Amino acid sequence: MRILEEFWYGNIEPTEYDTSSCKEYKKLLELICRNEEKLQATMTAKQKELFSRYTDAVREHQMTTDYLIFQNGFKLDAKIMLEVMEE
């Protein structure tokens, strides 16, 4: 039960993942940042506010999506464990 103990004491964060070894992730993040900087440089204050609200909504959507994926993955893992225990 070591994994449950680690989870209970907050030593495992299910929403964290290591991106340091993923070159594709780094490349895409750099592209996003570079394009956002270019876009923001051309915007008025009103457009920047609208863009900020847009990006906040996108982040919230992504967090909800991540949660649903985690939840579905956890349920699938539990079903697999139940099946393994039955055999």
PDB file of N, CA and C in Angstrom:
ATOM      1  N   MET A   1       0.815  -1.201   0.000  1.00  0.00           N
ATOM      2  CA  MET A   1       0.000   0.000   0.000  1.00  0.00           C
ATOM      3  C   MET A   1       0.859   1.266   0.000  1.00  0.00           C
ATOM      4  N   ARG A   2       2.079   1.165  -0.351  1.00  0.00           N
ATOM      5  CA  ARG A   2       2.979   2.328  -0.349  1.00  0.00           C
ATOM      6  C   ARG A   2       2.477   3.451  -1.248  1.00  0.00           C
ATOM      7  N   ILE A   3       1.956   3.135  -2.405  1.00  0.00           N
ATOM      8  CA  ILE A   3       1.505   4.162  -3.338  1.00  0.00           C
ATOM      9  C   ILE A   3       0.332   4.935  -2.756  1.00  0.00           C
ATOM     10  N   LEU A   4      -0.600   4.264  -2.086  1.00  0.00           N
ATOM     11  CA  LEU A   4      -1.729   4.952  -1.466  1.00  0.00           C
ATOM     12  C   LEU A   4      -1.264   5.860  -0.331  1.00  0.00           C
ATOM     13  N   GLU A   5      -0.276   5.398   0.409  1.00  0.00           N
ATOM     14  CA  GLU A   5       0.281   6.212   1.491  1.00  0.00           C
ATOM     15  C   GLU A   5       0.945   7.479   0.928  1.00  0.00           C
ATOM     16  N   GLU A   6       1.708   7.326  -0.125  1.00  0.00           N
ATOM     17  CA  GLU A   6       2.352   8.477  -0.762  1.00  0.00           C
ATOM     18  C   GLU A   6       1.299   9.451  -1.296  1.00  0.00           C
ATOM     19  N   PHE A   7       0.252   8.910  -1.880  1.00  0.00           N
ATOM     20  CA  PHE A   7      -0.839   9.729  -2.398  1.00  0.00           C
ATOM     21  C   PHE A   7      -1.541  10.482  -1.266  1.00  0.00           C
ATOM     22  N   TRP A   8      -1.822   9.769  -0.170  1.00  0.00           N
ATOM     23  CA  TRP A   8      -2.501  10.346   0.984  1.00  0.00           C
ATOM     24  C   TRP A   8      -1.716  11.517   1.564  1.00  0.00           C
ATOM     25  N   TYR A   9      -0.418  11.380   1.683  1.00  0.00           N
ATOM     26  CA  TYR A   9       0.406  12.419   2.286  1.00  0.00           C
ATOM     27  C   TYR A   9       0.809  13.517   1.302  1.00  0.00           C
ATOM     28  N   GLY A  10       0.257  13.463   0.110  1.00  0.00           N
ATOM     29  CA  GLY A  10       0.487  14.544  -0.843  1.00  0.00           C
ATOM     30  C   GLY A  10       1.807  14.485  -1.579  1.00  0.00           C
ATOM     31  N   ASN A  11       2.463  13.338  -1.543  1.00  0.00           N
ATOM     32  CA  ASN A  11       3.747  13.196  -2.227  1.00  0.00           C
ATOM     33  C   ASN A  11       3.576  12.849  -3.703  1.00  0.00           C
ATOM     34  N   ILE A  12       2.360  12.533  -4.089  1.00  0.00           N
ATOM     35  CA  ILE A  12       2.053  12.236  -5.485  1.00  0.00           C
ATOM     36  C   ILE A  12       0.971  13.210  -5.928  1.00  0.00           C
ATOM     37  N   GLU A  13       1.232  13.912  -6.989  1.00  0.00           N
ATOM     38  CA  GLU A  13       0.257  14.846  -7.550  1.00  0.00           C
ATOM     39  C   GLU A  13      -0.157  14.307  -8.912  1.00  0.00           C
ATOM     40  N   PRO A  14      -1.376  13.770  -9.031  1.00  0.00           N
ATOM     41  CA  PRO A  14      -1.778  13.112 -10.273  1.00  0.00           C
ATOM     42  C   PRO A  14      -1.847  14.042 -11.485  1.00  0.00           C
ATOM     43  N   THR A  15      -1.934  15.345 -11.247  1.00  0.00           N
ATOM     44  CA  THR A  15      -2.024  16.263 -12.385  1.00  0.00           C
ATOM     45  C   THR A  15      -0.663  16.766 -12.858  1.00  0.00           C
ATOM     46  N   GLU A  16       0.390  16.427 -12.145  1.00  0.00           N
ATOM     47  CA  GLU A  16       1.730  16.835 -12.568  1.00  0.00           C
ATOM     48  C   GLU A  16       2.335  15.765 -13.465  1.00  0.00           C
ATOM     49  N   TYR A  17       3.083  16.220 -14.446  1.00  0.00           N
ATOM     50  CA  TYR A  17       3.792  15.285 -15.304  1.00  0.00           C
ATOM     51  C   TYR A  17       5.072  15.939 -15.770  1.00  0.00           C
ATOM     52  N   ASP A  18       6.068  15.128 -15.964  1.00  0.00           N
ATOM     53  CA  ASP A  18       7.384  15.603 -16.353  1.00  0.00           C
ATOM     54  C   ASP A  18       7.421  15.837 -17.853  1.00  0.00           C
ATOM     55  N   THR A  19       7.657  17.083 -18.233  1.00  0.00           N
ATOM     56  CA  THR A  19       7.730  17.426 -19.654  1.00  0.00           C
ATOM     57  C   THR A  19       9.163  17.679 -20.104  1.00  0.00           C
ATOM     58  N   SER A  20      10.106  17.569 -19.174  1.00  0.00           N
ATOM     59  CA  SER A  20      11.493  17.937 -19.484  1.00  0.00           C
ATOM     60  C   SER A  20      12.121  17.058 -20.565  1.00  0.00           C
ATOM     61  N   SER A  21      11.676  15.839 -20.693  1.00  0.00           N
ATOM     62  CA  SER A  21      12.282  14.943 -21.679  1.00  0.00           C
ATOM     63  C   SER A  21      11.519  14.902 -23.006  1.00  0.00           C
ATOM     64  N   CYS A  22      10.437  15.644 -23.098  1.00  0.00           N
ATOM     65  CA  CYS A  22       9.611  15.623 -24.314  1.00  0.00           C
ATOM     66  C   CYS A  22       9.960  16.822 -25.195  1.00  0.00           C
ATOM     67  N   LYS A  23      10.731  16.569 -26.224  1.00  0.00           N
ATOM     68  CA  LYS A  23      11.161  17.641 -27.122  1.00  0.00           C
ATOM     69  C   LYS A  23       9.983  18.274 -27.847  1.00  0.00           C
ATOM     70  N   GLU A  24       9.003  17.471 -28.228  1.00  0.00           N
ATOM     71  CA  GLU A  24       7.839  17.990 -28.942  1.00  0.00           C
ATOM     72  C   GLU A  24       7.065  18.975 -28.072  1.00  0.00           C
ATOM     73  N   TYR A  25       6.930  18.658 -26.792  1.00  0.00           N
ATOM     74  CA  TYR A  25       6.219  19.532 -25.859  1.00  0.00           C
ATOM     75  C   TYR A  25       6.930  20.874 -25.755  1.00  0.00           C
ATOM     76  N   LYS A  26       8.231  20.829 -25.554  1.00  0.00           N
ATOM     77  CA  LYS A  26       9.018  22.059 -25.435  1.00  0.00           C
ATOM     78  C   LYS A  26       8.909  22.908 -26.702  1.00  0.00           C
ATOM     79  N   LYS A  27       8.998  22.255 -27.843  1.00  0.00           N
ATOM     80  CA  LYS A  27       8.942  22.951 -29.122  1.00  0.00           C
ATOM     81  C   LYS A  27       7.580  23.637 -29.301  1.00  0.00           C
ATOM     82  N   LEU A  28       6.509  22.922 -28.988  1.00  0.00           N
ATOM     83  CA  LEU A  28       5.173  23.502 -29.111  1.00  0.00           C
ATOM     84  C   LEU A  28       4.961  24.650 -28.130  1.00  0.00           C
ATOM     85  N   LEU A  29       5.452  24.501 -26.913  1.00  0.00           N
ATOM     86  CA  LEU A  29       5.309  25.563 -25.921  1.00  0.00           C
ATOM     87  C   LEU A  29       6.054  26.827 -26.364  1.00  0.00           C
ATOM     88  N   GLU A  30       7.246  26.654 -26.890  1.00  0.00           N
ATOM     89  CA  GLU A  30       8.006  27.797 -27.404  1.00  0.00           C
ATOM     90  C   GLU A  30       7.257  28.476 -28.544  1.00  0.00           C
ATOM     91  N   LEU A  31       6.673  27.700 -29.439  1.00  0.00           N
ATOM     92  CA  LEU A  31       5.909  28.243 -30.558  1.00  0.00           C
ATOM     93  C   LEU A  31       4.696  29.027 -30.061  1.00  0.00           C
ATOM     94  N   ILE A  32       3.991  28.470 -29.103  1.00  0.00           N
ATOM     95  CA  ILE A  32       2.829  29.154 -28.531  1.00  0.00           C
ATOM     96  C   ILE A  32       3.247  30.486 -27.918  1.00  0.00           C
ATOM     97  N   CYS A  33       4.295  30.479 -27.120  1.00  0.00           N
ATOM     98  CA  CYS A  33       4.759  31.706 -26.464  1.00  0.00           C
ATOM     99  C   CYS A  33       5.217  32.750 -27.479  1.00  0.00           C
ATOM    100  N   ARG A  34       5.956  32.314 -28.454  1.00  0.00           N
ATOM    101  CA  ARG A  34       6.455  33.228 -29.483  1.00  0.00           C
ATOM    102  C   ARG A  34       5.288  33.867 -30.251  1.00  0.00           C
ATOM    103  N   ASN A  35       4.320  33.049 -30.641  1.00  0.00           N
ATOM    104  CA  ASN A  35       3.168  33.575 -31.377  1.00  0.00           C
ATOM    105  C   ASN A  35       2.291  34.479 -30.515  1.00  0.00           C
ATOM    106  N   GLU A  36       2.157  34.136 -29.244  1.00  0.00           N
ATOM    107  CA  GLU A  36       1.368  34.992 -28.350  1.00  0.00           C
ATOM    108  C   GLU A  36       2.032  36.352 -28.181  1.00  0.00           C
ATOM    109  N   GLU A  37       3.351  36.373 -28.035  1.00  0.00           N
ATOM    110  CA  GLU A  37       4.069  37.642 -27.912  1.00  0.00           C
ATOM    111  C   GLU A  37       3.888  38.502 -29.160  1.00  0.00           C
ATOM    112  N   LYS A  38       3.996  37.888 -30.324  1.00  0.00           N
ATOM    113  CA  LYS A  38       3.802  38.624 -31.579  1.00  0.00           C
ATOM    114  C   LYS A  38       2.380  39.158 -31.683  1.00  0.00           C
ATOM    115  N   LEU A  39       1.420  38.335 -31.326  1.00  0.00           N
ATOM    116  CA  LEU A  39       0.024  38.736 -31.396  1.00  0.00           C
ATOM    117  C   LEU A  39      -0.258  39.887 -30.434  1.00  0.00           C
ATOM    118  N   GLN A  40       0.202  39.759 -29.217  1.00  0.00           N
ATOM    119  CA  GLN A  40      -0.046  40.798 -28.201  1.00  0.00           C
ATOM    120  C   GLN A  40       0.592  42.131 -28.589  1.00  0.00           C
ATOM    121  N   ALA A  41       1.717  42.074 -29.280  1.00  0.00           N
ATOM    122  CA  ALA A  41       2.399  43.296 -29.694  1.00  0.00           C
ATOM    123  C   ALA A  41       1.568  44.113 -30.681  1.00  0.00           C
ATOM    124  N   THR A  42       0.621  43.481 -31.357  1.00  0.00           N
ATOM    125  CA  THR A  42      -0.200  44.176 -32.352  1.00  0.00           C
ATOM    126  C   THR A  42      -1.569  44.567 -31.808  1.00  0.00           C
ATOM    127  N   MET A  43      -1.871  44.240 -30.559  1.00  0.00           N
ATOM    128  CA  MET A  43      -3.217  44.433 -30.017  1.00  0.00           C
ATOM    129  C   MET A  43      -3.390  45.754 -29.288  1.00  0.00           C
ATOM    130  N   THR A  44      -4.627  46.217 -29.321  1.00  0.00           N
ATOM    131  CA  THR A  44      -5.016  47.359 -28.500  1.00  0.00           C
ATOM    132  C   THR A  44      -5.294  46.852 -27.081  1.00  0.00           C
ATOM    133  N   ALA A  45      -5.480  47.758 -26.156  1.00  0.00           N
ATOM    134  CA  ALA A  45      -5.785  47.370 -24.773  1.00  0.00           C
ATOM    135  C   ALA A  45      -7.076  46.563 -24.708  1.00  0.00           C
ATOM    136  N   LYS A  46      -8.078  46.971 -25.479  1.00  0.00           N
ATOM    137  CA  LYS A  46      -9.360  46.264 -25.489  1.00  0.00           C
ATOM    138  C   LYS A  46      -9.197  44.850 -26.056  1.00  0.00           C
ATOM    139  N   GLN A  47      -8.401  44.713 -27.097  1.00  0.00           N
ATOM    140  CA  GLN A  47      -8.152  43.395 -27.687  1.00  0.00           C
ATOM    141  C   GLN A  47      -7.360  42.503 -26.726  1.00  0.00           C
ATOM    142  N   LYS A  48      -6.428  43.108 -26.001  1.00  0.00           N
ATOM    143  CA  LYS A  48      -5.649  42.335 -25.014  1.00  0.00           C
ATOM    144  C   LYS A  48      -6.551  41.794 -23.913  1.00  0.00           C
ATOM    145  N   GLU A  49      -7.510  42.609 -23.474  1.00  0.00           N
ATOM    146  CA  GLU A  49      -8.455  42.165 -22.445  1.00  0.00           C
ATOM    147  C   GLU A  49      -9.306  41.012 -22.966  1.00  0.00           C
ATOM    148  N   LEU A  50      -9.800  41.136 -24.190  1.00  0.00           N
ATOM    149  CA  LEU A  50     -10.594  40.065 -24.795  1.00  0.00           C
ATOM    150  C   LEU A  50      -9.755  38.801 -24.954  1.00  0.00           C
ATOM    151  N   PHE A  51      -8.526  38.941 -25.397  1.00  0.00           N
ATOM    152  CA  PHE A  51      -7.637  37.791 -25.559  1.00  0.00           C
ATOM    153  C   PHE A  51      -7.346  37.136 -24.215  1.00  0.00           C
ATOM    154  N   SER A  52      -7.180  37.937 -23.180  1.00  0.00           N
ATOM    155  CA  SER A  52      -6.945  37.404 -21.835  1.00  0.00           C
ATOM    156  C   SER A  52      -8.138  36.576 -21.362  1.00  0.00           C
ATOM    157  N   ARG A  53      -9.344  37.073 -21.596  1.00  0.00           N
ATOM    158  CA  ARG A  53     -10.543  36.310 -21.224  1.00  0.00           C
ATOM    159  C   ARG A  53     -10.624  35.008 -22.034  1.00  0.00           C
ATOM    160  N   TYR A  54     -10.252  35.095 -23.297  1.00  0.00           N
ATOM    161  CA  TYR A  54     -10.239  33.903 -24.159  1.00  0.00           C
ATOM    162  C   TYR A  54      -9.251  32.861 -23.630  1.00  0.00           C
ATOM    163  N   THR A  55      -8.030  33.290 -23.338  1.00  0.00           N
ATOM    164  CA  THR A  55      -7.024  32.327 -22.870  1.00  0.00           C
ATOM    165  C   THR A  55      -7.403  31.750 -21.503  1.00  0.00           C
ATOM    166  N   ASP A  56      -8.044  32.545 -20.653  1.00  0.00           N
ATOM    167  CA  ASP A  56      -8.525  32.021 -19.365  1.00  0.00           C
ATOM    168  C   ASP A  56      -9.554  30.916 -19.590  1.00  0.00           C
ATOM    169  N   ALA A  57     -10.466  31.142 -20.535  1.00  0.00           N
ATOM    170  CA  ALA A  57     -11.489  30.132 -20.831  1.00  0.00           C
ATOM    171  C   ALA A  57     -10.861  28.872 -21.419  1.00  0.00           C
ATOM    172  N   VAL A  58      -9.863  29.034 -22.282  1.00  0.00           N
ATOM    173  CA  VAL A  58      -9.175  27.880 -22.866  1.00  0.00           C
ATOM    174  C   VAL A  58      -8.465  27.086 -21.770  1.00  0.00           C
ATOM    175  N   ARG A  59      -7.807  27.781 -20.851  1.00  0.00           N
ATOM    176  CA  ARG A  59      -7.126  27.092 -19.738  1.00  0.00           C
ATOM    177  C   ARG A  59      -8.116  26.331 -18.860  1.00  0.00           C
ATOM    178  N   GLU A  60      -9.253  26.963 -18.566  1.00  0.00           N
ATOM    179  CA  GLU A  60     -10.276  26.293 -17.761  1.00  0.00           C
ATOM    180  C   GLU A  60     -10.815  25.054 -18.481  1.00  0.00           C
ATOM    181  N   HIS A  61     -11.022  25.182 -19.787  1.00  0.00           N
ATOM    182  CA  HIS A  61     -11.471  24.052 -20.587  1.00  0.00           C
ATOM    183  C   HIS A  61     -10.436  22.933 -20.541  1.00  0.00           C
ATOM    184  N   GLN A  62      -9.171  23.274 -20.677  1.00  0.00           N
ATOM    185  CA  GLN A  62      -8.107  22.271 -20.652  1.00  0.00           C
ATOM    186  C   GLN A  62      -8.020  21.578 -19.292  1.00  0.00           C
ATOM    187  N   MET A  63      -8.187  22.348 -18.216  1.00  0.00           N
ATOM    188  CA  MET A  63      -8.164  21.751 -16.876  1.00  0.00           C
ATOM    189  C   MET A  63      -9.321  20.777 -16.707  1.00  0.00           C
ATOM    190  N   THR A  64     -10.498  21.139 -17.204  1.00  0.00           N
ATOM    191  CA  THR A  64     -11.660  20.251 -17.126  1.00  0.00           C
ATOM    192  C   THR A  64     -11.415  18.992 -17.950  1.00  0.00           C
ATOM    193  N   THR A  65     -10.855  19.168 -19.132  1.00  0.00           N
ATOM    194  CA  THR A  65     -10.534  18.026 -19.991  1.00  0.00           C
ATOM    195  C   THR A  65      -9.530  17.107 -19.297  1.00  0.00           C
ATOM    196  N   ASP A  66      -8.485  17.685 -18.717  1.00  0.00           N
ATOM    197  CA  ASP A  66      -7.480  16.894 -17.995  1.00  0.00           C
ATOM    198  C   ASP A  66      -8.117  16.103 -16.857  1.00  0.00           C
ATOM    199  N   TYR A  67      -9.024  16.755 -16.132  1.00  0.00           N
ATOM    200  CA  TYR A  67      -9.714  16.086 -15.031  1.00  0.00           C
ATOM    201  C   TYR A  67     -10.531  14.896 -15.539  1.00  0.00           C
ATOM    202  N   LEU A  68     -11.290  15.111 -16.617  1.00  0.00           N
ATOM    203  CA  LEU A  68     -12.112  14.032 -17.156  1.00  0.00           C
ATOM    204  C   LEU A  68     -11.261  12.878 -17.674  1.00  0.00           C
ATOM    205  N   ILE A  69     -10.141  13.189 -18.303  1.00  0.00           N
ATOM    206  CA  ILE A  69      -9.231  12.141 -18.776  1.00  0.00           C
ATOM    207  C   ILE A  69      -8.664  11.372 -17.592  1.00  0.00           C
ATOM    208  N   PHE A  70      -8.258  12.081 -16.545  1.00  0.00           N
ATOM    209  CA  PHE A  70      -7.732  11.427 -15.339  1.00  0.00           C
ATOM    210  C   PHE A  70      -8.798  10.531 -14.720  1.00  0.00           C
ATOM    211  N   GLN A  71     -10.007  11.065 -14.605  1.00  0.00           N
ATOM    212  CA  GLN A  71     -11.100  10.307 -14.004  1.00  0.00           C
ATOM    213  C   GLN A  71     -11.398   9.037 -14.812  1.00  0.00           C
ATOM    214  N   ASN A  72     -11.479   9.172 -16.115  1.00  0.00           N
ATOM    215  CA  ASN A  72     -11.750   8.005 -16.957  1.00  0.00           C
ATOM    216  C   ASN A  72     -10.604   6.996 -16.903  1.00  0.00           C
ATOM    217  N   GLY A  73      -9.380   7.483 -16.885  1.00  0.00           N
ATOM    218  CA  GLY A  73      -8.224   6.592 -16.776  1.00  0.00           C
ATOM    219  C   GLY A  73      -8.225   5.838 -15.455  1.00  0.00           C
ATOM    220  N   PHE A  74      -8.567   6.537 -14.381  1.00  0.00           N
ATOM    221  CA  PHE A  74      -8.619   5.900 -13.067  1.00  0.00           C
ATOM    222  C   PHE A  74      -9.689   4.813 -13.044  1.00  0.00           C
ATOM    223  N   LYS A  75     -10.843   5.112 -13.625  1.00  0.00           N
ATOM    224  CA  LYS A  75     -11.917   4.112 -13.677  1.00  0.00           C
ATOM    225  C   LYS A  75     -11.490   2.893 -14.496  1.00  0.00           C
ATOM    226  N   LEU A  76     -10.819   3.127 -15.610  1.00  0.00           N
ATOM    227  CA  LEU A  76     -10.336   2.020 -16.433  1.00  0.00           C
ATOM    228  C   LEU A  76      -9.321   1.189 -15.660  1.00  0.00           C
ATOM    229  N   ASP A  77      -8.412   1.866 -14.954  1.00  0.00           N
ATOM    230  CA  ASP A  77      -7.425   1.136 -14.148  1.00  0.00           C
ATOM    231  C   ASP A  77      -8.109   0.269 -13.093  1.00  0.00           C
ATOM    232  N   ALA A  78      -9.140   0.816 -12.460  1.00  0.00           N
ATOM    233  CA  ALA A  78      -9.867   0.054 -11.444  1.00  0.00           C
ATOM    234  C   ALA A  78     -10.553  -1.165 -12.054  1.00  0.00           C
ATOM    235  N   LYS A  79     -11.137  -0.994 -13.230  1.00  0.00           N
ATOM    236  CA  LYS A  79     -11.776  -2.124 -13.909  1.00  0.00           C
ATOM    237  C   LYS A  79     -10.750  -3.198 -14.265  1.00  0.00           C
ATOM    238  N   ILE A  80      -9.589  -2.783 -14.713  1.00  0.00           N
ATOM    239  CA  ILE A  80      -8.520  -3.737 -15.037  1.00  0.00           C
ATOM    240  C   ILE A  80      -8.114  -4.496 -13.785  1.00  0.00           C
ATOM    241  N   MET A  81      -7.946  -3.783 -12.672  1.00  0.00           N
ATOM    242  CA  MET A  81      -7.551  -4.437 -11.422  1.00  0.00           C
ATOM    243  C   MET A  81      -8.623  -5.436 -10.974  1.00  0.00           C
ATOM    244  N   LEU A  82      -9.882  -5.055 -11.091  1.00  0.00           N
ATOM    245  CA  LEU A  82     -10.969  -5.977 -10.717  1.00  0.00           C
ATOM    246  C   LEU A  82     -10.911  -7.241 -11.565  1.00  0.00           C
ATOM    247  N   GLU A  83     -10.694  -7.060 -12.845  1.00  0.00           N
ATOM    248  CA  GLU A  83     -10.615  -8.220 -13.727  1.00  0.00           C
ATOM    249  C   GLU A  83      -9.419  -9.100 -13.387  1.00  0.00           C
ATOM    250  N   VAL A  84      -8.290  -8.485 -13.089  1.00  0.00           N
ATOM    251  CA  VAL A  84      -7.097  -9.249 -12.723  1.00  0.00           C
ATOM    252  C   VAL A  84      -7.340 -10.033 -11.439  1.00  0.00           C
ATOM    253  N   MET A  85      -8.028  -9.402 -10.475  1.00  0.00           N
ATOM    254  CA  MET A  85      -8.285 -10.054  -9.194  1.00  0.00           C
ATOM    255  C   MET A  85      -9.269 -11.223  -9.334  1.00  0.00           C
ATOM    256  N   GLU A  86     -10.154 -11.165 -10.332  1.00  0.00           N
ATOM    257  CA  GLU A  86     -11.132 -12.223 -10.538  1.00  0.00           C
ATOM    258  C   GLU A  86     -10.504 -13.472 -11.103  1.00  0.00           C
ATOM    259  N   GLU A  87      -9.427 -13.319 -11.843  1.00  0.00           N
ATOM    260  CA  GLU A  87      -8.794 -14.481 -12.506  1.00  0.00           C
ATOM    261  C   GLU A  87      -7.983 -15.305 -11.547  1.00  0.00           C
TER     262      GLU A  87
END
